[in-house]
Amino acid sequence: MGGAVHLDDANFKKEILESKLPCLVDFWAEWCGPCRRVGPVVEEVAAEYEGKFKIAKLNVDEGQKTASVYGVMSIPTLLFFKDGKVAEQVVGAIGKAELKAKIEEHLT
């Protein structure tokens, strides 16, 4: 069973911008309480959508350059990518049902 792809500044372009699948990137950090609540939801959804939707996590402490490029000022921030471009941004904690609904929107 798959999970979320671990991202950093070095692999972001290859994993997300060059992906044939639509993508979701969870910008998070260990010290962020709301991020720790969203993390398990992101992992569950990653397993459910494996092969249809690429789901990845970027720790902002390890990927400061990428977080800065995308203007991530508060976490958790979820960015949806399609064809290498940001299609939607969600800031703050999100539940599983809402997250799945957003993914379904981006699959069509």
PDB file of N, CA and C in Angstrom:
ATOM      1  N   MET A   1       0.838  -1.171   0.000  1.00  0.00           N
ATOM      2  CA  MET A   1       0.000   0.000   0.000  1.00  0.00           C
ATOM      3  C   MET A   1       0.888   1.241   0.000  1.00  0.00           C
ATOM      4  N   GLY A   2       0.600   2.171  -0.879  1.00  0.00           N
ATOM      5  CA  GLY A   2       1.427   3.368  -1.009  1.00  0.00           C
ATOM      6  C   GLY A   2       1.038   4.433  -0.005  1.00  0.00           C
ATOM      7  N   GLY A   3       1.872   5.410   0.061  1.00  0.00           N
ATOM      8  CA  GLY A   3       1.610   6.562   0.921  1.00  0.00           C
ATOM      9  C   GLY A   3       2.029   7.813   0.183  1.00  0.00           C
ATOM     10  N   ALA A   4       2.095   8.879   0.910  1.00  0.00           N
ATOM     11  CA  ALA A   4       2.485  10.151   0.316  1.00  0.00           C
ATOM     12  C   ALA A   4       3.973  10.133  -0.035  1.00  0.00           C
ATOM     13  N   VAL A   5       4.303  10.793  -1.127  1.00  0.00           N
ATOM     14  CA  VAL A   5       5.690  10.941  -1.568  1.00  0.00           C
ATOM     15  C   VAL A   5       6.348  12.005  -0.697  1.00  0.00           C
ATOM     16  N   HIS A   6       7.581  11.744  -0.236  1.00  0.00           N
ATOM     17  CA  HIS A   6       8.322  12.724   0.553  1.00  0.00           C
ATOM     18  C   HIS A   6       9.049  13.673  -0.396  1.00  0.00           C
ATOM     19  N   LEU A   7       8.793  14.957  -0.252  1.00  0.00           N
ATOM     20  CA  LEU A   7       9.402  15.952  -1.133  1.00  0.00           C
ATOM     21  C   LEU A   7      10.439  16.794  -0.401  1.00  0.00           C
ATOM     22  N   ASP A   8      11.349  17.350  -1.192  1.00  0.00           N
ATOM     23  CA  ASP A   8      12.262  18.382  -0.718  1.00  0.00           C
ATOM     24  C   ASP A   8      12.544  19.298  -1.911  1.00  0.00           C
ATOM     25  N   ASP A   9      13.381  20.302  -1.711  1.00  0.00           N
ATOM     26  CA  ASP A   9      13.670  21.235  -2.796  1.00  0.00           C
ATOM     27  C   ASP A   9      14.255  20.527  -4.022  1.00  0.00           C
ATOM     28  N   ALA A  10      15.019  19.451  -3.783  1.00  0.00           N
ATOM     29  CA  ALA A  10      15.722  18.771  -4.878  1.00  0.00           C
ATOM     30  C   ALA A  10      14.799  17.959  -5.784  1.00  0.00           C
ATOM     31  N   ASN A  11      13.762  17.321  -5.238  1.00  0.00           N
ATOM     32  CA  ASN A  11      12.932  16.447  -6.071  1.00  0.00           C
ATOM     33  C   ASN A  11      11.565  17.035  -6.427  1.00  0.00           C
ATOM     34  N   PHE A  12      11.270  18.253  -5.991  1.00  0.00           N
ATOM     35  CA  PHE A  12       9.952  18.846  -6.221  1.00  0.00           C
ATOM     36  C   PHE A  12       9.626  18.945  -7.710  1.00  0.00           C
ATOM     37  N   LYS A  13      10.554  19.441  -8.497  1.00  0.00           N
ATOM     38  CA  LYS A  13      10.301  19.620  -9.932  1.00  0.00           C
ATOM     39  C   LYS A  13       9.963  18.287 -10.597  1.00  0.00           C
ATOM     40  N   LYS A  14      10.788  17.281 -10.358  1.00  0.00           N
ATOM     41  CA  LYS A  14      10.584  15.976 -10.993  1.00  0.00           C
ATOM     42  C   LYS A  14       9.276  15.333 -10.519  1.00  0.00           C
ATOM     43  N   GLU A  15       9.031  15.349  -9.205  1.00  0.00           N
ATOM     44  CA  GLU A  15       7.873  14.640  -8.641  1.00  0.00           C
ATOM     45  C   GLU A  15       6.546  15.356  -8.899  1.00  0.00           C
ATOM     46  N   ILE A  16       6.542  16.685  -8.888  1.00  0.00           N
ATOM     47  CA  ILE A  16       5.286  17.432  -8.975  1.00  0.00           C
ATOM     48  C   ILE A  16       5.125  18.150 -10.315  1.00  0.00           C
ATOM     49  N   LEU A  17       6.065  18.996 -10.647  1.00  0.00           N
ATOM     50  CA  LEU A  17       5.914  19.817 -11.851  1.00  0.00           C
ATOM     51  C   LEU A  17       5.940  18.996 -13.131  1.00  0.00           C
ATOM     52  N   GLU A  18       6.650  17.869 -13.120  1.00  0.00           N
ATOM     53  CA  GLU A  18       6.737  17.016 -14.310  1.00  0.00           C
ATOM     54  C   GLU A  18       5.799  15.807 -14.235  1.00  0.00           C
ATOM     55  N   SER A  19       4.946  15.754 -13.235  1.00  0.00           N
ATOM     56  CA  SER A  19       4.040  14.618 -13.050  1.00  0.00           C
ATOM     57  C   SER A  19       2.952  14.608 -14.120  1.00  0.00           C
ATOM     58  N   LYS A  20       2.644  13.419 -14.610  1.00  0.00           N
ATOM     59  CA  LYS A  20       1.542  13.245 -15.562  1.00  0.00           C
ATOM     60  C   LYS A  20       0.200  13.245 -14.822  1.00  0.00           C
ATOM     61  N   LEU A  21       0.238  12.893 -13.534  1.00  0.00           N
ATOM     62  CA  LEU A  21      -0.978  12.858 -12.714  1.00  0.00           C
ATOM     63  C   LEU A  21      -1.203  14.217 -12.053  1.00  0.00           C
ATOM     64  N   PRO A  22      -2.458  14.544 -11.741  1.00  0.00           N
ATOM     65  CA  PRO A  22      -2.680  15.716 -10.896  1.00  0.00           C
ATOM     66  C   PRO A  22      -2.062  15.426  -9.529  1.00  0.00           C
ATOM     67  N   CYS A  23      -1.663  16.481  -8.824  1.00  0.00           N
ATOM     68  CA  CYS A  23      -0.935  16.304  -7.560  1.00  0.00           C
ATOM     69  C   CYS A  23      -1.519  17.161  -6.450  1.00  0.00           C
ATOM     70  N   LEU A  24      -1.300  16.691  -5.237  1.00  0.00           N
ATOM     71  CA  LEU A  24      -1.605  17.446  -4.030  1.00  0.00           C
ATOM     72  C   LEU A  24      -0.324  17.483  -3.211  1.00  0.00           C
ATOM     73  N   VAL A  25       0.079  18.680  -2.791  1.00  0.00           N
ATOM     74  CA  VAL A  25       1.252  18.802  -1.926  1.00  0.00           C
ATOM     75  C   VAL A  25       0.803  19.385  -0.591  1.00  0.00           C
ATOM     76  N   ASP A  26       1.100  18.660   0.473  1.00  0.00           N
ATOM     77  CA  ASP A  26       0.824  19.088   1.844  1.00  0.00           C
ATOM     78  C   ASP A  26       2.092  19.738   2.375  1.00  0.00           C
ATOM     79  N   PHE A  27       2.068  21.063   2.561  1.00  0.00           N
ATOM     80  CA  PHE A  27       3.186  21.787   3.170  1.00  0.00           C
ATOM     81  C   PHE A  27       2.953  21.753   4.676  1.00  0.00           C
ATOM     82  N   TRP A  28       3.908  21.202   5.430  1.00  0.00           N
ATOM     83  CA  TRP A  28       3.727  20.957   6.852  1.00  0.00           C
ATOM     84  C   TRP A  28       5.046  21.108   7.602  1.00  0.00           C
ATOM     85  N   ALA A  29       5.005  20.939   8.927  1.00  0.00           N
ATOM     86  CA  ALA A  29       6.213  20.898   9.767  1.00  0.00           C
ATOM     87  C   ALA A  29       5.899  20.097  11.028  1.00  0.00           C
ATOM     88  N   GLU A  30       6.946  19.507  11.602  1.00  0.00           N
ATOM     89  CA  GLU A  30       6.807  18.689  12.826  1.00  0.00           C
ATOM     90  C   GLU A  30       6.203  19.487  13.967  1.00  0.00           C
ATOM     91  N   TRP A  31       6.564  20.743  14.084  1.00  0.00           N
ATOM     92  CA  TRP A  31       6.167  21.575  15.226  1.00  0.00           C
ATOM     93  C   TRP A  31       4.763  22.169  15.090  1.00  0.00           C
ATOM     94  N   CYS A  32       4.071  21.872  14.002  1.00  0.00           N
ATOM     95  CA  CYS A  32       2.765  22.467  13.712  1.00  0.00           C
ATOM     96  C   CYS A  32       1.647  21.513  14.141  1.00  0.00           C
ATOM     97  N   GLY A  33       0.890  21.896  15.193  1.00  0.00           N
ATOM     98  CA  GLY A  33      -0.195  21.052  15.705  1.00  0.00           C
ATOM     99  C   GLY A  33      -1.243  20.697  14.658  1.00  0.00           C
ATOM    100  N   PRO A  34      -1.825  21.689  13.956  1.00  0.00           N
ATOM    101  CA  PRO A  34      -2.819  21.363  12.920  1.00  0.00           C
ATOM    102  C   PRO A  34      -2.246  20.454  11.821  1.00  0.00           C
ATOM    103  N   CYS A  35      -0.964  20.605  11.515  1.00  0.00           N
ATOM    104  CA  CYS A  35      -0.328  19.754  10.497  1.00  0.00           C
ATOM    105  C   CYS A  35      -0.341  18.290  10.935  1.00  0.00           C
ATOM    106  N   ARG A  36      -0.141  18.063  12.232  1.00  0.00           N
ATOM    107  CA  ARG A  36      -0.126  16.692  12.745  1.00  0.00           C
ATOM    108  C   ARG A  36      -1.515  16.064  12.681  1.00  0.00           C
ATOM    109  N   ARG A  37      -2.560  16.894  12.704  1.00  0.00           N
ATOM    110  CA  ARG A  37      -3.923  16.369  12.551  1.00  0.00           C
ATOM    111  C   ARG A  37      -4.224  16.051  11.085  1.00  0.00           C
ATOM    112  N   VAL A  38      -3.716  16.868  10.182  1.00  0.00           N
ATOM    113  CA  VAL A  38      -3.978  16.684   8.749  1.00  0.00           C
ATOM    114  C   VAL A  38      -3.112  15.553   8.177  1.00  0.00           C
ATOM    115  N   GLY A  39      -1.920  15.365   8.705  1.00  0.00           N
ATOM    116  CA  GLY A  39      -0.966  14.379   8.179  1.00  0.00           C
ATOM    117  C   GLY A  39      -1.533  12.987   7.977  1.00  0.00           C
ATOM    118  N   PRO A  40      -2.156  12.386   8.999  1.00  0.00           N
ATOM    119  CA  PRO A  40      -2.705  11.036   8.825  1.00  0.00           C
ATOM    120  C   PRO A  40      -3.809  10.980   7.764  1.00  0.00           C
ATOM    121  N   VAL A  41      -4.597  12.039   7.657  1.00  0.00           N
ATOM    122  CA  VAL A  41      -5.651  12.104   6.640  1.00  0.00           C
ATOM    123  C   VAL A  41      -5.023  12.091   5.252  1.00  0.00           C
ATOM    124  N   VAL A  42      -3.965  12.883   5.076  1.00  0.00           N
ATOM    125  CA  VAL A  42      -3.266  12.938   3.790  1.00  0.00           C
ATOM    126  C   VAL A  42      -2.698  11.566   3.437  1.00  0.00           C
ATOM    127  N   GLU A  43      -2.122  10.874   4.420  1.00  0.00           N
ATOM    128  CA  GLU A  43      -1.554   9.538   4.181  1.00  0.00           C
ATOM    129  C   GLU A  43      -2.637   8.538   3.778  1.00  0.00           C
ATOM    130  N   GLU A  44      -3.785   8.567   4.467  1.00  0.00           N
ATOM    131  CA  GLU A  44      -4.887   7.654   4.130  1.00  0.00           C
ATOM    132  C   GLU A  44      -5.371   7.887   2.701  1.00  0.00           C
ATOM    133  N   VAL A  45      -5.557   9.143   2.368  1.00  0.00           N
ATOM    134  CA  VAL A  45      -6.062   9.504   1.041  1.00  0.00           C
ATOM    135  C   VAL A  45      -5.021   9.147  -0.031  1.00  0.00           C
ATOM    136  N   ALA A  46      -3.746   9.284   0.301  1.00  0.00           N
ATOM    137  CA  ALA A  46      -2.677   8.923  -0.649  1.00  0.00           C
ATOM    138  C   ALA A  46      -2.786   7.454  -1.041  1.00  0.00           C
ATOM    139  N   ALA A  47      -3.050   6.607  -0.073  1.00  0.00           N
ATOM    140  CA  ALA A  47      -3.180   5.173  -0.348  1.00  0.00           C
ATOM    141  C   ALA A  47      -4.418   4.904  -1.218  1.00  0.00           C
ATOM    142  N   GLU A  48      -5.510   5.612  -0.936  1.00  0.00           N
ATOM    143  CA  GLU A  48      -6.756   5.400  -1.685  1.00  0.00           C
ATOM    144  C   GLU A  48      -6.658   5.842  -3.145  1.00  0.00           C
ATOM    145  N   TYR A  49      -5.887   6.878  -3.403  1.00  0.00           N
ATOM    146  CA  TYR A  49      -5.830   7.447  -4.759  1.00  0.00           C
ATOM    147  C   TYR A  49      -4.549   7.067  -5.512  1.00  0.00           C
ATOM    148  N   GLU A  50      -3.798   6.132  -4.977  1.00  0.00           N
ATOM    149  CA  GLU A  50      -2.551   5.716  -5.615  1.00  0.00           C
ATOM    150  C   GLU A  50      -2.786   5.344  -7.079  1.00  0.00           C
ATOM    151  N   GLY A  51      -1.961   5.893  -7.959  1.00  0.00           N
ATOM    152  CA  GLY A  51      -2.074   5.613  -9.385  1.00  0.00           C
ATOM    153  C   GLY A  51      -3.013   6.539 -10.127  1.00  0.00           C
ATOM    154  N   LYS A  52      -3.821   7.302  -9.373  1.00  0.00           N
ATOM    155  CA  LYS A  52      -4.767   8.230 -10.003  1.00  0.00           C
ATOM    156  C   LYS A  52      -4.436   9.683  -9.687  1.00  0.00           C
ATOM    157  N   PHE A  53      -3.867   9.901  -8.500  1.00  0.00           N
ATOM    158  CA  PHE A  53      -3.607  11.258  -8.016  1.00  0.00           C
ATOM    159  C   PHE A  53      -2.350  11.177  -7.172  1.00  0.00           C
ATOM    160  N   LYS A  54      -1.322  11.940  -7.493  1.00  0.00           N
ATOM    161  CA  LYS A  54      -0.081  11.895  -6.706  1.00  0.00           C
ATOM    162  C   LYS A  54      -0.234  12.799  -5.490  1.00  0.00           C
ATOM    163  N   ILE A  55       0.001  12.232  -4.328  1.00  0.00           N
ATOM    164  CA  ILE A  55      -0.112  12.986  -3.084  1.00  0.00           C
ATOM    165  C   ILE A  55       1.244  12.971  -2.400  1.00  0.00           C
ATOM    166  N   ALA A  56       1.680  14.181  -2.025  1.00  0.00           N
ATOM    167  CA  ALA A  56       3.033  14.335  -1.498  1.00  0.00           C
ATOM    168  C   ALA A  56       3.032  15.280  -0.310  1.00  0.00           C
ATOM    169  N   LYS A  57       4.087  15.180   0.492  1.00  0.00           N
ATOM    170  CA  LYS A  57       4.257  16.034   1.657  1.00  0.00           C
ATOM    171  C   LYS A  57       5.615  16.720   1.578  1.00  0.00           C
ATOM    172  N   LEU A  58       5.621  18.014   1.884  1.00  0.00           N
ATOM    173  CA  LEU A  58       6.868  18.770   1.910  1.00  0.00           C
ATOM    174  C   LEU A  58       6.991  19.446   3.270  1.00  0.00           C
ATOM    175  N   ASN A  59       7.981  19.001   4.042  1.00  0.00           N
ATOM    176  CA  ASN A  59       8.275  19.622   5.330  1.00  0.00           C
ATOM    177  C   ASN A  59       8.913  20.978   5.031  1.00  0.00           C
ATOM    178  N   VAL A  60       8.271  22.062   5.456  1.00  0.00           N
ATOM    179  CA  VAL A  60       8.769  23.397   5.109  1.00  0.00           C
ATOM    180  C   VAL A  60      10.140  23.675   5.702  1.00  0.00           C
ATOM    181  N   ASP A  61      10.527  22.966   6.754  1.00  0.00           N
ATOM    182  CA  ASP A  61      11.868  23.141   7.313  1.00  0.00           C
ATOM    183  C   ASP A  61      12.927  22.543   6.390  1.00  0.00           C
ATOM    184  N   GLU A  62      12.544  21.538   5.597  1.00  0.00           N
ATOM    185  CA  GLU A  62      13.470  20.904   4.648  1.00  0.00           C
ATOM    186  C   GLU A  62      13.321  21.476   3.237  1.00  0.00           C
ATOM    187  N   GLY A  63      12.217  22.137   2.975  1.00  0.00           N
ATOM    188  CA  GLY A  63      11.939  22.663   1.637  1.00  0.00           C
ATOM    189  C   GLY A  63      11.597  24.138   1.667  1.00  0.00           C
ATOM    190  N   GLN A  64      12.413  24.913   2.363  1.00  0.00           N
ATOM    191  CA  GLN A  64      12.128  26.344   2.520  1.00  0.00           C
ATOM    192  C   GLN A  64      12.079  27.087   1.190  1.00  0.00           C
ATOM    193  N   LYS A  65      12.963  26.710   0.276  1.00  0.00           N
ATOM    194  CA  LYS A  65      13.004  27.391  -1.028  1.00  0.00           C
ATOM    195  C   LYS A  65      11.688  27.168  -1.781  1.00  0.00           C
ATOM    196  N   THR A  66      11.236  25.924  -1.840  1.00  0.00           N
ATOM    197  CA  THR A  66       9.994  25.605  -2.549  1.00  0.00           C
ATOM    198  C   THR A  66       8.800  26.280  -1.876  1.00  0.00           C
ATOM    199  N   ALA A  67       8.737  26.249  -0.559  1.00  0.00           N
ATOM    200  CA  ALA A  67       7.638  26.895   0.168  1.00  0.00           C
ATOM    201  C   ALA A  67       7.614  28.389  -0.154  1.00  0.00           C
ATOM    202  N   SER A  68       8.772  28.992  -0.234  1.00  0.00           N
ATOM    203  CA  SER A  68       8.871  30.418  -0.544  1.00  0.00           C
ATOM    204  C   SER A  68       8.412  30.713  -1.969  1.00  0.00           C
ATOM    205  N   VAL A  69       8.820  29.880  -2.924  1.00  0.00           N
ATOM    206  CA  VAL A  69       8.434  30.065  -4.330  1.00  0.00           C
ATOM    207  C   VAL A  69       6.908  30.088  -4.466  1.00  0.00           C
ATOM    208  N   TYR A  70       6.228  29.247  -3.701  1.00  0.00           N
ATOM    209  CA  TYR A  70       4.770  29.149  -3.790  1.00  0.00           C
ATOM    210  C   TYR A  70       4.042  30.019  -2.761  1.00  0.00           C
ATOM    211  N   GLY A  71       4.772  30.882  -2.074  1.00  0.00           N
ATOM    212  CA  GLY A  71       4.163  31.833  -1.161  1.00  0.00           C
ATOM    213  C   GLY A  71       3.468  31.212   0.038  1.00  0.00           C
ATOM    214  N   VAL A  72       3.967  30.065   0.489  1.00  0.00           N
ATOM    215  CA  VAL A  72       3.372  29.400   1.641  1.00  0.00           C
ATOM    216  C   VAL A  72       3.801  30.148   2.904  1.00  0.00           C
ATOM    217  N   MET A  73       2.833  30.840   3.508  1.00  0.00           N
ATOM    218  CA  MET A  73       3.116  31.659   4.684  1.00  0.00           C
ATOM    219  C   MET A  73       2.633  31.000   5.975  1.00  0.00           C
ATOM    220  N   SER A  74       1.592  30.192   5.897  1.00  0.00           N
ATOM    221  CA  SER A  74       1.109  29.493   7.083  1.00  0.00           C
ATOM    222  C   SER A  74       0.846  28.040   6.708  1.00  0.00           C
ATOM    223  N   ILE A  75       0.974  27.188   7.703  1.00  0.00           N
ATOM    224  CA  ILE A  75       0.797  25.759   7.455  1.00  0.00           C
ATOM    225  C   ILE A  75      -0.234  25.214   8.432  1.00  0.00           C
ATOM    226  N   PRO A  76      -0.929  24.151   8.095  1.00  0.00           N
ATOM    227  CA  PRO A  76      -0.777  23.421   6.829  1.00  0.00           C
ATOM    228  C   PRO A  76      -1.359  24.200   5.641  1.00  0.00           C
ATOM    229  N   THR A  77      -0.683  24.077   4.514  1.00  0.00           N
ATOM    230  CA  THR A  77      -1.195  24.581   3.244  1.00  0.00           C
ATOM    231  C   THR A  77      -1.192  23.415   2.278  1.00  0.00           C
ATOM    232  N   LEU A  78      -2.309  23.214   1.588  1.00  0.00           N
ATOM    233  CA  LEU A  78      -2.422  22.174   0.575  1.00  0.00           C
ATOM    234  C   LEU A  78      -2.499  22.854  -0.778  1.00  0.00           C
ATOM    235  N   LEU A  79      -1.585  22.489  -1.677  1.00  0.00           N
ATOM    236  CA  LEU A  79      -1.614  23.013  -3.041  1.00  0.00           C
ATOM    237  C   LEU A  79      -1.950  21.881  -3.994  1.00  0.00           C
ATOM    238  N   PHE A  80      -2.922  22.125  -4.847  1.00  0.00           N
ATOM    239  CA  PHE A  80      -3.295  21.171  -5.889  1.00  0.00           C
ATOM    240  C   PHE A  80      -2.634  21.615  -7.180  1.00  0.00           C
ATOM    241  N   PHE A  81      -1.935  20.696  -7.848  1.00  0.00           N
ATOM    242  CA  PHE A  81      -1.239  20.991  -9.097  1.00  0.00           C
ATOM    243  C   PHE A  81      -1.848  20.189 -10.229  1.00  0.00           C
ATOM    244  N   LYS A  82      -1.981  20.822 -11.370  1.00  0.00           N
ATOM    245  CA  LYS A  82      -2.403  20.130 -12.585  1.00  0.00           C
ATOM    246  C   LYS A  82      -1.514  20.656 -13.705  1.00  0.00           C
ATOM    247  N   ASP A  83      -0.888  19.756 -14.453  1.00  0.00           N
ATOM    248  CA  ASP A  83       0.016  20.125 -15.540  1.00  0.00           C
ATOM    249  C   ASP A  83       1.105  21.089 -15.067  1.00  0.00           C
ATOM    250  N   GLY A  84       1.625  20.867 -13.857  1.00  0.00           N
ATOM    251  CA  GLY A  84       2.739  21.659 -13.349  1.00  0.00           C
ATOM    252  C   GLY A  84       2.374  23.033 -12.827  1.00  0.00           C
ATOM    253  N   LYS A  85       1.089  23.343 -12.772  1.00  0.00           N
ATOM    254  CA  LYS A  85       0.653  24.657 -12.296  1.00  0.00           C
ATOM    255  C   LYS A  85      -0.307  24.505 -11.114  1.00  0.00           C
ATOM    256  N   VAL A  86      -0.277  25.486 -10.209  1.00  0.00           N
ATOM    257  CA  VAL A  86      -1.171  25.461  -9.057  1.00  0.00           C
ATOM    258  C   VAL A  86      -2.603  25.660  -9.543  1.00  0.00           C
ATOM    259  N   ALA A  87      -3.478  24.726  -9.195  1.00  0.00           N
ATOM    260  CA  ALA A  87      -4.886  24.799  -9.576  1.00  0.00           C
ATOM    261  C   ALA A  87      -5.744  25.299  -8.420  1.00  0.00           C
ATOM    262  N   GLU A  88      -5.296  25.041  -7.186  1.00  0.00           N
ATOM    263  CA  GLU A  88      -6.070  25.463  -6.011  1.00  0.00           C
ATOM    264  C   GLU A  88      -5.170  25.443  -4.793  1.00  0.00           C
ATOM    265  N   GLN A  89      -5.501  26.303  -3.825  1.00  0.00           N
ATOM    266  CA  GLN A  89      -4.770  26.353  -2.559  1.00  0.00           C
ATOM    267  C   GLN A  89      -5.771  26.301  -1.415  1.00  0.00           C
ATOM    268  N   VAL A  90      -5.480  25.470  -0.422  1.00  0.00           N
ATOM    269  CA  VAL A  90      -6.302  25.386   0.783  1.00  0.00           C
ATOM    270  C   VAL A  90      -5.366  25.600   1.971  1.00  0.00           C
ATOM    271  N   VAL A  91      -5.674  26.607   2.791  1.00  0.00           N
ATOM    272  CA  VAL A  91      -4.857  26.892   3.966  1.00  0.00           C
ATOM    273  C   VAL A  91      -5.632  26.480   5.210  1.00  0.00           C
ATOM    274  N   GLY A  92      -4.963  25.736   6.087  1.00  0.00           N
ATOM    275  CA  GLY A  92      -5.584  25.309   7.336  1.00  0.00           C
ATOM    276  C   GLY A  92      -5.968  23.845   7.308  1.00  0.00           C
ATOM    277  N   ALA A  93      -6.374  23.363   8.475  1.00  0.00           N
ATOM    278  CA  ALA A  93      -6.737  21.950   8.618  1.00  0.00           C
ATOM    279  C   ALA A  93      -7.994  21.642   7.814  1.00  0.00           C
ATOM    280  N   ILE A  94      -8.032  20.446   7.265  1.00  0.00           N
ATOM    281  CA  ILE A  94      -9.146  20.010   6.412  1.00  0.00           C
ATOM    282  C   ILE A  94      -9.464  18.555   6.773  1.00  0.00           C
ATOM    283  N   GLY A  95     -10.735  18.215   6.763  1.00  0.00           N
ATOM    284  CA  GLY A  95     -11.150  16.856   7.089  1.00  0.00           C
ATOM    285  C   GLY A  95     -11.044  15.934   5.876  1.00  0.00           C
ATOM    286  N   LYS A  96     -11.154  14.636   6.135  1.00  0.00           N
ATOM    287  CA  LYS A  96     -11.005  13.645   5.075  1.00  0.00           C
ATOM    288  C   LYS A  96     -12.076  13.784   3.991  1.00  0.00           C
ATOM    289  N   ALA A  97     -13.325  13.970   4.372  1.00  0.00           N
ATOM    290  CA  ALA A  97     -14.404  14.078   3.378  1.00  0.00           C
ATOM    291  C   ALA A  97     -14.195  15.294   2.473  1.00  0.00           C
ATOM    292  N   GLU A  98     -13.814  16.419   3.082  1.00  0.00           N
ATOM    293  CA  GLU A  98     -13.578  17.636   2.303  1.00  0.00           C
ATOM    294  C   GLU A  98     -12.367  17.467   1.381  1.00  0.00           C
ATOM    295  N   LEU A  99     -11.325  16.827   1.894  1.00  0.00           N
ATOM    296  CA  LEU A  99     -10.121  16.600   1.084  1.00  0.00           C
ATOM    297  C   LEU A  99     -10.435  15.706  -0.117  1.00  0.00           C
ATOM    298  N   LYS A 100     -11.186  14.632   0.121  1.00  0.00           N
ATOM    299  CA  LYS A 100     -11.542  13.731  -0.975  1.00  0.00           C
ATOM    300  C   LYS A 100     -12.416  14.440  -2.008  1.00  0.00           C
ATOM    301  N   ALA A 101     -13.319  15.304  -1.549  1.00  0.00           N
ATOM    302  CA  ALA A 101     -14.174  16.057  -2.474  1.00  0.00           C
ATOM    303  C   ALA A 101     -13.323  16.966  -3.366  1.00  0.00           C
ATOM    304  N   LYS A 102     -12.313  17.595  -2.771  1.00  0.00           N
ATOM    305  CA  LYS A 102     -11.437  18.483  -3.556  1.00  0.00           C
ATOM    306  C   LYS A 102     -10.635  17.670  -4.579  1.00  0.00           C
ATOM    307  N   ILE A 103     -10.144  16.504  -4.174  1.00  0.00           N
ATOM    308  CA  ILE A 103      -9.386  15.655  -5.090  1.00  0.00           C
ATOM    309  C   ILE A 103     -10.275  15.234  -6.257  1.00  0.00           C
ATOM    310  N   GLU A 104     -11.501  14.839  -5.952  1.00  0.00           N
ATOM    311  CA  GLU A 104     -12.437  14.431  -7.008  1.00  0.00           C
ATOM    312  C   GLU A 104     -12.674  15.582  -8.008  1.00  0.00           C
ATOM    313  N   GLU A 105     -12.770  16.804  -7.503  1.00  0.00           N
ATOM    314  CA  GLU A 105     -12.935  17.965  -8.389  1.00  0.00           C
ATOM    315  C   GLU A 105     -11.782  18.065  -9.380  1.00  0.00           C
ATOM    316  N   HIS A 106     -10.570  17.790  -8.892  1.00  0.00           N
ATOM    317  CA  HIS A 106      -9.377  17.934  -9.731  1.00  0.00           C
ATOM    318  C   HIS A 106      -9.124  16.712 -10.622  1.00  0.00           C
ATOM    319  N   LEU A 107      -9.865  15.642 -10.391  1.00  0.00           N
ATOM    320  CA  LEU A 107      -9.726  14.458 -11.252  1.00  0.00           C
ATOM    321  C   LEU A 107     -10.534  14.605 -12.541  1.00  0.00           C
ATOM    322  N   THR A 108     -11.511  15.487 -12.541  1.00  0.00           N
ATOM    323  CA  THR A 108     -12.371  15.644 -13.726  1.00  0.00           C
ATOM    324  C   THR A 108     -11.816  16.665 -14.682  1.00  0.00           C
TER     325      THR A 108
END
